[in-house]
């Protein structure tokens, strides 16, 4: 099933890292960078899911 299939469950947001999850050593990518990427993917998946839900009504 794709995320545009109206029977697909609603996407779940990524879990935000805690402040102590960052080692503060300038890692690339940082856990917060990875979270931002996951959040962008989630928002795109959610928009597609919502559009599929609206189209199926």
Protein backbone atom coordinates (compact mmCIF):
# COMPACT_ATOMS: atom_id res chain seq x y z
CA UNK A 1 0.00 0.00 0.00
CA UNK A 2 1.12 3.51 -0.69
CA UNK A 3 0.66 6.53 1.53
CA UNK A 4 -1.94 7.80 -0.93
CA UNK A 5 -4.16 4.74 -0.39
CA UNK A 6 -7.09 5.90 1.78
CA UNK A 7 -7.00 2.65 3.77
CA UNK A 8 -3.42 3.31 4.90
CA UNK A 9 -3.16 4.24 8.59
CA UNK A 10 -2.40 7.87 9.45
CA UNK A 11 1.39 8.44 9.52
CA UNK A 12 2.93 8.83 12.96
CA UNK A 13 5.21 11.77 13.73
CA UNK A 14 8.85 11.08 14.53
CA UNK A 15 9.95 11.19 18.14
CA UNK A 16 11.88 14.37 18.90
CA UNK A 17 15.30 13.82 20.43
CA UNK A 18 15.91 15.03 23.95
CA UNK A 19 18.48 17.78 24.53
CA UNK A 20 20.79 15.24 26.17
CA UNK A 21 20.68 13.09 23.00
CA UNK A 22 23.02 15.62 21.37
CA UNK A 23 26.70 15.18 22.20
CA UNK A 24 27.46 18.83 21.29
CA UNK A 25 30.58 17.87 19.39
CA UNK A 26 29.45 19.20 16.03
CA UNK A 27 28.47 15.86 14.51
CA UNK A 28 27.27 15.94 10.96
CA UNK A 29 24.52 14.97 10.86
CA UNK A 30 23.41 15.81 14.36
CA UNK A 31 20.48 13.94 15.91
CA UNK A 32 18.50 17.17 15.53
CA UNK A 33 19.34 17.27 11.79
CA UNK A 34 18.10 13.70 11.46
CA UNK A 35 14.93 14.62 13.33
CA UNK A 36 14.30 17.60 11.03
CA UNK A 37 14.69 15.31 7.99
CA UNK A 38 12.29 12.77 9.52
CA UNK A 39 9.83 15.55 10.37
CA UNK A 40 9.88 16.81 6.78
CA UNK A 41 9.20 13.26 5.49
CA UNK A 42 6.38 12.88 8.03
CA UNK A 43 4.78 16.18 7.00
CA UNK A 44 4.89 15.14 3.33
CA UNK A 45 3.43 11.71 4.14
CA UNK A 46 0.73 13.30 6.29
CA UNK A 47 -0.23 15.74 3.53
CA UNK A 48 -0.48 12.85 1.05
CA UNK A 49 -2.52 10.80 3.52
CA UNK A 50 -4.89 13.72 4.21
CA UNK A 51 -5.33 14.30 0.48
CA UNK A 52 -6.15 10.61 -0.03
CA UNK A 53 -8.66 10.76 2.82
CA UNK A 54 -10.35 13.83 1.33
CA UNK A 55 -10.44 12.26 -2.15
CA UNK A 56 -12.06 9.10 -0.83
CA UNK A 57 -15.01 11.00 0.68
